[in-house]
N, C-alpha and C. Protein backbone atom coordinates (compact mmCIF):
# COMPACT_ATOMS: atom_id res chain seq x y z
N UNK A 1 -7.68 52.45 -75.49
CA UNK A 1 -6.71 51.75 -74.37
C UNK A 1 -6.37 52.40 -73.48
N UNK A 2 -6.48 52.42 -72.36
CA UNK A 2 -6.14 53.02 -70.96
C UNK A 2 -4.55 52.81 -70.27
N UNK A 3 -3.63 53.16 -70.13
CA UNK A 3 -2.63 53.05 -70.00
C UNK A 3 -2.28 53.19 -68.58
N UNK A 4 -1.82 52.10 -67.52
CA UNK A 4 -1.64 52.46 -66.33
C UNK A 4 -0.73 53.76 -66.27
N UNK A 5 -0.91 54.53 -64.75
CA UNK A 5 -0.05 55.40 -64.39
C UNK A 5 0.98 54.37 -63.77
N UNK A 6 2.48 54.46 -64.28
CA UNK A 6 3.28 53.72 -63.63
C UNK A 6 3.85 53.95 -62.41
N UNK A 7 3.55 55.28 -61.96
CA UNK A 7 3.81 55.82 -60.57
C UNK A 7 2.79 55.18 -59.60
N UNK A 8 1.71 54.80 -60.11
CA UNK A 8 0.25 54.30 -59.22
C UNK A 8 1.14 52.68 -58.66
N UNK A 9 1.74 52.35 -59.37
CA UNK A 9 2.20 50.90 -58.57
C UNK A 9 2.93 50.51 -57.37
N UNK A 10 3.46 51.76 -57.11
CA UNK A 10 4.05 51.95 -55.79
C UNK A 10 3.31 52.26 -54.76
N UNK A 11 1.98 52.54 -55.02
CA UNK A 11 0.80 52.92 -54.01
C UNK A 11 0.23 51.49 -53.28
N UNK A 12 -0.09 51.67 -52.13
CA UNK A 12 -0.63 50.24 -51.61
C UNK A 12 -1.88 50.96 -50.78
N UNK A 13 -3.08 50.32 -50.94
CA UNK A 13 -4.11 50.73 -50.27
C UNK A 13 -4.41 49.42 -49.69
N UNK A 14 -4.61 49.43 -48.06
CA UNK A 14 -4.82 48.47 -47.07
C UNK A 14 -5.65 48.81 -46.06
N UNK A 15 -6.08 47.84 -45.29
CA UNK A 15 -7.33 48.23 -44.19
C UNK A 15 -6.26 48.44 -42.96
N UNK A 16 -6.67 49.85 -42.16
CA UNK A 16 -5.92 50.33 -40.88
C UNK A 16 -6.01 49.11 -40.13
N UNK A 17 -4.81 49.27 -39.07
CA UNK A 17 -4.72 48.02 -38.12
C UNK A 17 -4.54 48.96 -36.93
N UNK A 18 -4.86 48.18 -35.67
CA UNK A 18 -4.78 49.17 -34.39
C UNK A 18 -3.16 49.46 -34.44
N UNK A 19 -2.27 48.85 -34.93
CA UNK A 19 -1.02 49.38 -34.92
C UNK A 19 -0.81 50.60 -35.83
N UNK A 20 -1.94 51.15 -36.46
CA UNK A 20 -1.78 52.49 -37.33
C UNK A 20 -2.52 53.52 -36.24
N UNK A 21 -2.85 53.24 -35.34
CA UNK A 21 -3.99 54.23 -34.31
C UNK A 21 -3.07 55.78 -34.33
N UNK A 22 -1.59 55.72 -33.98
CA UNK A 22 -1.01 56.85 -33.71
C UNK A 22 -0.90 57.82 -35.21
N UNK A 23 -0.66 56.97 -36.31
CA UNK A 23 -0.86 57.58 -37.43
C UNK A 23 -2.05 58.20 -38.03
N UNK A 24 -2.83 57.44 -37.87
CA UNK A 24 -4.61 57.93 -37.99
C UNK A 24 -4.82 58.73 -37.49
N UNK A 25 -4.37 58.84 -35.86
CA UNK A 25 -4.50 60.14 -35.11
C UNK A 25 -4.07 61.16 -35.77
N UNK A 26 -2.52 61.11 -36.22
CA UNK A 26 -2.00 62.32 -36.46
C UNK A 26 -2.76 63.01 -37.83
N UNK A 27 -2.90 62.12 -38.60
CA UNK A 27 -3.74 62.31 -40.18
C UNK A 27 -5.17 63.15 -39.56
N UNK A 28 -5.63 62.81 -38.77
CA UNK A 28 -6.88 63.58 -38.64
C UNK A 28 -6.70 64.89 -37.88
N UNK A 29 -5.48 65.09 -36.91
CA UNK A 29 -4.97 66.13 -36.76
C UNK A 29 -4.61 67.44 -37.88
N UNK A 30 -4.07 66.34 -38.79
CA UNK A 30 -3.21 67.47 -39.97
C UNK A 30 -4.29 67.84 -40.76
N UNK A 31 -5.42 66.94 -40.93
CA UNK A 31 -6.88 67.53 -41.55
C UNK A 31 -7.34 68.49 -40.54
N UNK A 32 -7.65 68.66 -39.51
CA UNK A 32 -8.36 70.05 -38.95
C UNK A 32 -7.34 70.95 -39.11
N UNK A 33 -5.63 70.84 -39.33
CA UNK A 33 -5.33 71.89 -39.29
C UNK A 33 -5.47 72.52 -40.89
N UNK A 34 -5.58 71.45 -41.80
CA UNK A 34 -5.46 71.77 -43.01
C UNK A 34 -6.87 72.90 -43.48
N UNK A 35 -7.86 72.25 -42.49
CA UNK A 35 -9.02 73.37 -42.80
C UNK A 35 -9.55 74.19 -42.25
N UNK A 36 -8.42 74.60 -41.44
CA UNK A 36 -8.31 76.01 -40.45
C UNK A 36 -9.28 75.71 -39.09
N UNK A 37 -9.22 74.57 -38.71
CA UNK A 37 -10.17 73.98 -37.44
C UNK A 37 -9.52 73.03 -36.83
N UNK A 38 -8.14 73.56 -36.07
CA UNK A 38 -7.74 72.19 -35.60
C UNK A 38 -8.08 72.45 -34.17
N UNK A 39 -8.66 73.22 -33.61
CA UNK A 39 -9.33 73.28 -32.29
C UNK A 39 -10.70 72.20 -32.43
N UNK A 40 -11.03 71.82 -33.25
CA UNK A 40 -12.60 71.24 -33.62
C UNK A 40 -12.00 69.64 -32.90
N UNK A 41 -10.82 69.27 -33.00
CA UNK A 41 -10.40 67.97 -32.98
C UNK A 41 -10.03 67.65 -31.56
N UNK A 42 -10.98 67.12 -30.74
CA UNK A 42 -11.03 66.67 -29.55
C UNK A 42 -10.67 65.34 -29.17
N UNK A 43 -10.80 64.39 -30.31
CA UNK A 43 -10.50 62.98 -30.33
C UNK A 43 -8.95 62.90 -29.71
N UNK A 44 -8.66 61.43 -29.50
CA UNK A 44 -7.15 61.06 -29.00
C UNK A 44 -7.11 59.77 -29.62
N UNK A 45 -5.97 59.38 -29.95
CA UNK A 45 -5.36 58.12 -30.10
C UNK A 45 -6.07 57.09 -29.27
N UNK A 46 -6.47 57.08 -28.09
CA UNK A 46 -7.18 55.98 -27.25
C UNK A 46 -8.15 55.92 -27.73
N UNK A 47 -8.93 57.24 -27.95
CA UNK A 47 -10.34 56.96 -28.40
C UNK A 47 -10.29 56.08 -29.78
N UNK A 48 -9.49 56.67 -30.50
CA UNK A 48 -9.45 55.69 -31.74
C UNK A 48 -9.46 54.48 -31.97
N UNK A 49 -8.21 53.87 -30.91
CA UNK A 49 -8.53 52.49 -30.28
C UNK A 49 -9.65 51.80 -30.02
N UNK A 50 -10.18 52.47 -29.06
CA UNK A 50 -11.31 52.02 -28.04
C UNK A 50 -12.48 51.84 -29.06
N UNK A 51 -13.03 53.00 -29.98
CA UNK A 51 -13.99 52.64 -30.45
C UNK A 51 -13.47 52.26 -32.17
N UNK A 52 -12.62 51.98 -32.65
CA UNK A 52 -12.52 51.66 -34.14
C UNK A 52 -11.89 50.22 -33.89
N UNK A 53 -11.17 49.99 -32.80
CA UNK A 53 -10.60 48.50 -32.88
C UNK A 53 -10.80 47.60 -31.89
N UNK A 54 -12.04 47.74 -31.06
CA UNK A 54 -12.44 47.18 -29.86
C UNK A 54 -13.40 45.86 -30.30
N UNK A 55 -14.43 45.54 -29.76
CA UNK A 55 -14.97 44.28 -29.88
C UNK A 55 -16.20 44.86 -30.75
N UNK A 56 -16.87 45.93 -30.93
CA UNK A 56 -17.79 46.45 -31.94
C UNK A 56 -17.41 47.80 -32.31
N UNK A 57 -16.17 47.86 -33.54
CA UNK A 57 -15.65 48.81 -34.30
C UNK A 57 -16.93 49.73 -34.60
N UNK A 58 -16.51 51.10 -34.32
CA UNK A 58 -17.79 52.03 -34.71
C UNK A 58 -17.41 52.56 -36.43
N UNK A 59 -16.34 52.15 -37.10
CA UNK A 59 -15.81 52.81 -38.32
C UNK A 59 -14.69 51.68 -38.43
N UNK A 60 -14.13 51.84 -40.01
CA UNK A 60 -13.10 51.03 -40.32
C UNK A 60 -12.27 52.04 -41.09
N UNK A 61 -10.61 51.85 -41.18
CA UNK A 61 -9.74 52.88 -41.82
C UNK A 61 -9.36 52.10 -43.19
N UNK A 62 -9.03 52.91 -44.06
CA UNK A 62 -7.77 52.41 -45.22
C UNK A 62 -7.00 53.35 -45.06
N UNK A 63 -5.79 52.56 -45.24
CA UNK A 63 -5.12 53.51 -45.47
C UNK A 63 -3.92 52.99 -46.70
N UNK A 64 -3.34 54.42 -47.27
CA UNK A 64 -2.84 54.68 -48.47
C UNK A 64 -1.07 54.53 -48.17
N UNK A 65 -0.36 53.75 -48.54
CA UNK A 65 1.14 53.82 -48.82
C UNK A 65 1.91 53.99 -49.85
N UNK A 66 2.77 55.09 -50.04
CA UNK A 66 3.56 54.68 -51.13
C UNK A 66 5.04 54.79 -50.58
N UNK A 67 5.54 53.23 -51.43
CA UNK A 67 6.89 53.19 -50.66
C UNK A 67 6.99 52.73 -49.57
N UNK A 68 5.85 52.39 -48.89
CA UNK A 68 5.98 51.89 -47.55
C UNK A 68 5.64 53.27 -46.59
N UNK A 69 5.31 54.34 -47.00
CA UNK A 69 5.39 55.67 -46.30
C UNK A 69 3.72 55.85 -46.31
N UNK A 70 3.30 56.31 -44.90
CA UNK A 70 2.05 56.70 -45.01
C UNK A 70 1.93 58.06 -46.18
N UNK A 71 0.76 57.73 -46.42
CA UNK A 71 0.36 58.99 -47.47
C UNK A 71 -1.10 59.30 -47.65
N UNK A 72 -1.99 58.36 -47.22
CA UNK A 72 -3.36 59.09 -46.98
C UNK A 72 -4.16 57.94 -46.23
N UNK A 73 -5.69 58.58 -46.03
CA UNK A 73 -6.42 57.80 -44.81
C UNK A 73 -7.97 57.89 -45.32
N UNK A 74 -8.59 56.92 -45.35
CA UNK A 74 -10.06 56.98 -45.45
C UNK A 74 -10.54 56.69 -44.39
N UNK A 75 -11.50 57.22 -43.29
CA UNK A 75 -11.95 56.31 -42.38
C UNK A 75 -13.53 56.60 -42.55
N UNK A 76 -14.18 55.56 -42.54
CA UNK A 76 -15.57 55.59 -42.82
C UNK A 76 -16.54 54.49 -42.25
N UNK A 77 -17.64 54.06 -42.21
CA UNK A 77 -18.41 53.35 -41.67
C UNK A 77 -19.64 53.14 -42.44
N UNK A 78 -20.55 51.92 -42.10
CA UNK A 78 -21.61 51.92 -42.73
C UNK A 78 -22.75 52.51 -42.13
N UNK A 79 -23.82 52.82 -43.37
CA UNK A 79 -24.59 53.67 -43.06
C UNK A 79 -26.18 52.81 -43.89
N UNK A 80 -27.25 52.94 -43.26
CA UNK A 80 -28.38 52.66 -44.18
C UNK A 80 -29.15 53.75 -44.74
N UNK A 81 -30.27 53.37 -45.80
CA UNK A 81 -31.19 54.68 -46.09
C UNK A 81 -32.17 53.91 -46.50
N UNK A 82 -33.03 54.15 -45.36
CA UNK A 82 -34.45 53.34 -45.41
C UNK A 82 -35.34 53.83 -46.75
N UNK A 83 -35.01 54.69 -47.05
CA UNK A 83 -35.62 55.63 -48.73
C UNK A 83 -35.34 54.37 -49.86
N UNK A 84 -33.84 54.14 -49.60
CA UNK A 84 -33.85 53.21 -50.68
C UNK A 84 -33.66 51.50 -50.35
N UNK A 85 -33.94 51.62 -49.08
CA UNK A 85 -33.71 50.14 -48.45
C UNK A 85 -32.59 49.46 -48.86
N UNK A 86 -31.23 49.96 -48.77
CA UNK A 86 -30.32 49.64 -49.03
C UNK A 86 -29.17 50.17 -48.17
N UNK A 87 -27.94 49.52 -47.91
CA UNK A 87 -27.04 49.88 -47.25
C UNK A 87 -26.11 50.96 -48.18
N UNK A 88 -25.26 51.89 -47.59
CA UNK A 88 -24.28 52.30 -48.13
C UNK A 88 -22.90 52.67 -47.35
N UNK A 89 -22.21 53.53 -47.40
CA UNK A 89 -21.12 53.81 -46.69
C UNK A 89 -20.81 55.15 -46.20
N UNK A 90 -20.57 56.02 -45.52
CA UNK A 90 -20.32 57.09 -44.98
C UNK A 90 -19.03 57.41 -44.94
N UNK A 91 -18.18 58.34 -45.48
CA UNK A 91 -16.86 58.49 -45.39
C UNK A 91 -16.85 59.77 -44.58
N UNK A 92 -15.80 59.51 -43.38
CA UNK A 92 -15.95 60.69 -42.01
C UNK A 92 -14.86 61.45 -42.65
N UNK A 93 -13.69 60.81 -42.68
CA UNK A 93 -12.35 61.65 -43.44
C UNK A 93 -11.57 60.95 -44.08
N UNK A 94 -11.46 62.02 -45.25
CA UNK A 94 -10.43 61.58 -46.18
C UNK A 94 -9.71 62.44 -46.41
N UNK A 95 -8.05 62.03 -46.35
CA UNK A 95 -6.83 63.08 -45.74
C UNK A 95 -5.81 62.21 -46.65
N UNK A 96 -5.55 63.17 -47.78
CA UNK A 96 -3.52 62.63 -48.16
C UNK A 96 -3.15 63.60 -47.90
N UNK A 97 -1.78 63.30 -47.44
CA UNK A 97 -0.86 64.29 -47.24
C UNK A 97 -0.38 65.04 -48.51
N UNK A 98 0.03 66.36 -48.40
CA UNK A 98 0.07 67.25 -49.18
C UNK A 98 1.41 66.82 -50.64
N UNK A 99 2.57 65.93 -49.96
CA UNK A 99 3.48 65.68 -50.82
C UNK A 99 3.24 64.53 -51.87
N UNK A 100 1.81 64.23 -51.37
CA UNK A 100 1.27 62.55 -52.49
C UNK A 100 0.01 63.09 -52.84
N UNK A 101 -0.30 64.61 -53.08
CA UNK A 101 -1.47 65.11 -53.81
C UNK A 101 -0.88 64.77 -55.40
N UNK A 102 -2.37 64.55 -56.11
CA UNK A 102 -2.09 64.76 -57.54
C UNK A 102 -1.79 63.15 -57.94
N UNK A 103 -1.75 62.50 -57.54
CA UNK A 103 -1.58 60.92 -57.52
C UNK A 103 -2.44 60.01 -57.35
N UNK A 104 -4.29 60.63 -57.30
CA UNK A 104 -5.29 59.80 -57.21
C UNK A 104 -5.23 58.98 -56.23
N UNK A 105 -4.91 59.76 -55.18
CA UNK A 105 -4.82 58.82 -53.72
C UNK A 105 -6.04 58.83 -53.26
N UNK A 106 -6.51 59.89 -53.15
CA UNK A 106 -7.83 60.22 -52.62
C UNK A 106 -8.72 59.53 -53.16
N UNK A 107 -8.57 59.46 -54.64
CA UNK A 107 -9.76 58.65 -55.79
C UNK A 107 -9.82 57.34 -54.95
N UNK A 108 -8.59 56.63 -55.31
CA UNK A 108 -8.43 55.45 -54.82
C UNK A 108 -9.05 55.05 -53.72
N UNK A 109 -8.83 55.92 -52.60
CA UNK A 109 -9.18 55.50 -51.02
C UNK A 109 -10.68 55.33 -51.12
N UNK A 110 -11.23 56.55 -51.84
CA UNK A 110 -12.73 56.62 -52.13
C UNK A 110 -13.20 55.07 -52.97
N UNK A 111 -12.83 54.86 -54.00
CA UNK A 111 -13.20 54.02 -54.72
C UNK A 111 -13.24 52.39 -54.44
N UNK A 112 -11.94 52.71 -53.29
CA UNK A 112 -12.31 50.99 -52.01
C UNK A 112 -12.85 50.97 -51.42
N UNK A 113 -13.38 51.96 -50.75
CA UNK A 113 -14.31 52.24 -49.81
C UNK A 113 -15.67 51.87 -50.40
N UNK A 114 -16.05 52.35 -51.61
CA UNK A 114 -17.15 52.32 -52.46
C UNK A 114 -17.21 50.62 -52.98
N UNK A 115 -15.91 50.18 -53.24
CA UNK A 115 -16.09 48.95 -53.82
C UNK A 115 -16.40 47.57 -52.65
N UNK A 116 -15.98 47.98 -51.29
CA UNK A 116 -16.14 47.31 -50.19
C UNK A 116 -17.71 47.22 -49.61
N UNK A 117 -18.46 48.34 -49.95
CA UNK A 117 -19.35 48.70 -49.88
C UNK A 117 -20.23 47.93 -50.34
N UNK A 118 -20.01 48.21 -51.93
CA UNK A 118 -20.92 47.64 -53.10
C UNK A 118 -20.67 45.70 -53.12
N UNK A 119 -19.44 45.34 -52.12
CA UNK A 119 -19.64 43.92 -52.29
C UNK A 119 -20.46 43.35 -51.23
N UNK A 120 -20.88 44.37 -50.12
CA UNK A 120 -21.56 43.68 -49.27
C UNK A 120 -23.35 44.37 -49.48
N UNK A 121 -23.67 44.59 -50.51
CA UNK A 121 -24.77 45.26 -50.89
C UNK A 121 -25.24 46.66 -51.24
N UNK A 122 -24.06 47.39 -50.81
CA UNK A 122 -24.36 48.85 -50.71
C UNK A 122 -24.45 49.43 -51.94
N UNK A 123 -25.18 50.63 -51.90
CA UNK A 123 -25.54 51.03 -53.12
C UNK A 123 -25.31 52.67 -53.31
N UNK A 124 -24.50 53.05 -52.28
CA UNK A 124 -24.15 54.72 -52.29
C UNK A 124 -23.30 54.91 -51.22
N UNK A 125 -22.29 56.29 -51.66
CA UNK A 125 -21.25 56.60 -50.72
C UNK A 125 -22.05 57.89 -50.28
N UNK A 126 -21.76 58.61 -49.15
CA UNK A 126 -22.14 59.68 -48.52
C UNK A 126 -20.64 60.17 -47.65
N UNK A 127 -20.53 61.20 -47.82
CA UNK A 127 -19.88 62.30 -47.06
C UNK A 127 -20.40 63.65 -46.83
N UNK A 128 -19.23 64.43 -46.08
CA UNK A 128 -19.71 65.64 -45.69
C UNK A 128 -18.32 66.56 -46.19
N UNK A 129 -18.53 67.59 -46.99
CA UNK A 129 -17.31 68.54 -47.03
C UNK A 129 -17.52 69.97 -46.12
N UNK A 130 -16.42 70.39 -45.59
CA UNK A 130 -16.21 71.60 -44.82
C UNK A 130 -16.72 72.56 -45.93
N UNK A 131 -17.74 73.55 -45.52
CA UNK A 131 -17.96 74.70 -46.25
C UNK A 131 -17.18 75.40 -47.10
N UNK A 132 -15.77 75.68 -46.46
CA UNK A 132 -15.00 76.73 -47.06
C UNK A 132 -13.97 75.62 -48.12
N UNK A 133 -13.98 74.48 -48.14
CA UNK A 133 -12.88 73.44 -48.44
C UNK A 133 -13.32 73.71 -50.00
N UNK A 134 -13.11 74.60 -51.00
CA UNK A 134 -13.33 74.55 -52.40
C UNK A 134 -12.81 73.57 -53.27
N UNK A 135 -11.06 73.42 -52.46
CA UNK A 135 -10.49 72.47 -53.43
C UNK A 135 -11.32 70.83 -53.00
N UNK A 136 -11.59 70.90 -52.15
CA UNK A 136 -12.43 69.23 -52.17
C UNK A 136 -13.40 69.11 -52.46
N UNK A 137 -14.52 70.15 -52.28
CA UNK A 137 -15.81 70.31 -53.35
C UNK A 137 -15.45 69.91 -54.93
N UNK A 138 -14.48 70.78 -54.99
CA UNK A 138 -14.12 70.20 -56.63
C UNK A 138 -13.40 69.49 -57.03
N UNK A 139 -12.65 68.49 -56.00
CA UNK A 139 -12.40 67.16 -56.15
C UNK A 139 -13.91 66.13 -56.17
N UNK A 140 -14.64 66.57 -55.32
CA UNK A 140 -15.54 65.57 -55.28
C UNK A 140 -16.64 65.34 -56.07
N UNK A 141 -16.86 66.72 -56.91
CA UNK A 141 -17.51 66.99 -58.25
C UNK A 141 -16.93 66.49 -59.46
N UNK A 142 -15.54 66.15 -59.85
CA UNK A 142 -14.80 65.78 -60.40
C UNK A 142 -14.75 64.26 -60.88
N UNK A 143 -15.21 63.62 -59.61
CA UNK A 143 -15.55 62.35 -59.41
C UNK A 143 -17.02 61.60 -59.58
N UNK A 144 -17.60 62.83 -59.76
CA UNK A 144 -19.03 62.58 -59.69
C UNK A 144 -20.08 62.09 -58.28
N UNK A 145 -18.97 62.90 -57.22
CA UNK A 145 -19.91 62.86 -55.91
C UNK A 145 -20.51 64.28 -55.91
N UNK A 146 -21.85 64.48 -56.16
CA UNK A 146 -22.19 65.81 -56.03
C UNK A 146 -23.06 66.54 -54.88
N UNK A 147 -23.12 67.57 -54.79
CA UNK A 147 -23.50 68.45 -53.91
C UNK A 147 -25.00 67.63 -53.57
N UNK A 148 -25.67 67.54 -52.58
CA UNK A 148 -26.97 67.02 -52.45
C UNK A 148 -27.77 68.77 -51.91
N UNK A 149 -28.42 69.30 -53.03
CA UNK A 149 -29.25 70.25 -52.50
C UNK A 149 -30.73 70.39 -51.84
N UNK A 150 -30.83 69.11 -51.49
CA UNK A 150 -32.22 69.06 -50.88
C UNK A 150 -31.69 68.49 -49.18
N UNK A 151 -30.37 68.48 -48.97
CA UNK A 151 -30.13 68.24 -47.26
C UNK A 151 -29.43 69.09 -46.62
N UNK A 152 -29.49 69.06 -45.61
CA UNK A 152 -28.44 70.12 -44.64
C UNK A 152 -28.14 68.72 -43.41
N UNK A 153 -26.65 69.13 -43.06
CA UNK A 153 -26.68 68.41 -41.89
C UNK A 153 -26.84 69.14 -41.04
N UNK A 154 -27.69 68.64 -39.87
CA UNK A 154 -27.99 69.17 -38.57
C UNK A 154 -27.23 68.55 -37.40
N UNK A 155 -26.54 68.97 -36.47
CA UNK A 155 -26.10 68.46 -35.67
C UNK A 155 -26.06 68.91 -33.93
N UNK A 156 -25.96 68.33 -33.07
CA UNK A 156 -25.93 68.74 -31.68
C UNK A 156 -24.70 68.18 -31.06
N UNK A 157 -23.92 68.49 -30.06
CA UNK A 157 -22.88 68.20 -29.81
C UNK A 157 -22.53 68.55 -28.25
N UNK A 158 -21.62 67.96 -27.53
CA UNK A 158 -21.08 68.26 -26.11
C UNK A 158 -22.46 68.51 -24.93
N UNK A 159 -22.37 69.84 -24.21
CA UNK A 159 -23.31 69.60 -23.15
C UNK A 159 -24.95 69.66 -23.74
N UNK A 160 -24.85 70.42 -24.70
CA UNK A 160 -26.45 70.46 -25.40
C UNK A 160 -26.72 68.95 -25.91
N UNK A 161 -25.75 68.26 -26.26
CA UNK A 161 -26.03 66.77 -26.38
C UNK A 161 -26.52 66.07 -25.31
N UNK A 162 -25.64 66.03 -24.36
CA UNK A 162 -26.18 65.53 -22.98
C UNK A 162 -26.98 65.82 -22.57
N UNK A 163 -27.42 67.12 -22.62
CA UNK A 163 -28.92 67.77 -21.87
C UNK A 163 -29.76 67.45 -22.58
N UNK A 164 -29.94 66.99 -23.93
CA UNK A 164 -31.31 66.14 -24.67
C UNK A 164 -31.02 64.92 -24.78
N UNK A 165 -30.10 64.28 -24.69
CA UNK A 165 -30.11 62.69 -24.53
C UNK A 165 -30.57 62.65 -22.98
N UNK A 166 -30.26 63.41 -21.72
CA UNK A 166 -30.92 62.97 -20.26
C UNK A 166 -31.85 63.41 -20.03
N UNK A 167 -32.76 64.38 -20.57
CA UNK A 167 -33.80 64.93 -20.53
C UNK A 167 -34.72 63.73 -20.49
N UNK A 168 -35.76 63.85 -19.59
CA UNK A 168 -36.96 62.97 -19.45
C UNK A 168 -37.76 63.19 -20.25
N UNK A 169 -38.74 62.16 -21.05
CA UNK A 169 -39.58 62.02 -21.87
C UNK A 169 -40.82 62.89 -21.34
N UNK A 170 -41.57 63.69 -22.29
CA UNK A 170 -42.48 63.99 -21.96
C UNK A 170 -43.68 63.31 -21.94
N UNK A 171 -44.63 63.23 -21.24
CA UNK A 171 -45.89 62.16 -21.28
C UNK A 171 -46.92 62.73 -20.96
N UNK A 172 -47.95 62.24 -22.15
CA UNK A 172 -49.23 62.83 -22.05
C UNK A 172 -49.82 62.46 -20.76
N UNK A 173 -50.53 63.55 -19.84
CA UNK A 173 -51.10 63.05 -18.63
C UNK A 173 -52.45 62.35 -18.64
N UNK A 174 -53.16 62.64 -20.04
CA UNK A 174 -54.53 62.08 -20.18
C UNK A 174 -54.33 60.16 -20.53
């Protein structure tokens, strides 16, 4: 018989709203500082408002609150596997305030994202972990979210991305 943790009763997980944008952005800034890369965060609250809460939202958020106070964030979006032929969910950012760690808030945020994905026919959850974040790696492993030994994340950003996207297509003159 499993006994529920009484401390978890005051934890609320809810969808983020446009009114949460400043809080969401502040959490992302704290996440960047936590992993030692605050300079990597160039987004603004205005960006999040435009792309997350406009006509075609690029992402969704889940907010964790403890006693009405912000405790954590899960920012995620739908993805699709052509190999499985099924949808999934990609977790871009998972953040829990230091003072609320150890209360399974991160786990609850991930489970809620997975549950919502499953409800829509999804069969998998995917995320990336900062290579130096050993605590996060151990956390995900404990939850059964394993490291993928056969994939590596590749990216192109900034001026290199613009040059790539704007380059003319080479056409075969034959």
